[in-house]
């Protein structure tokens, strides 16, 4: 089992930046592929970004590409999501997730069903 705890959510103005963190405990963090998802009010949860176990491979949703950066520090059991140039449509609850499955391509990790562990979420609100 892996326990995930997100932090860093806040209210920010459009154009601003915010950094989310997700700290893991339990299973070996370095053997877990990590991802970020988000769920806006009235919408389904959607993929944001994923990072491989070593951190050497990342993949992003088109809606955040070039604005968000996912990274990880395996020594600290933490994955990060740096969000720049935030837009009101980025408003959502952000969840981190961990996957013990091993796939050849990061594209597989865009699906929620590929993840075994989820955090409780942190609210990000972007005002216009």
Foldseek 3Di string as FASTA:
>chain_A
DKAKAKDWADEAAAQAKTKMKIAIDDDQLLLKKKFKWWDDPPGDIFGAKIAHSVRPDMDGDPVQPPFWDWGDDSVRRMIMIIGGRDDQVVWTWMKMFIANDDDPDCVVVRDPVRTDDIYPTGTHGYHD
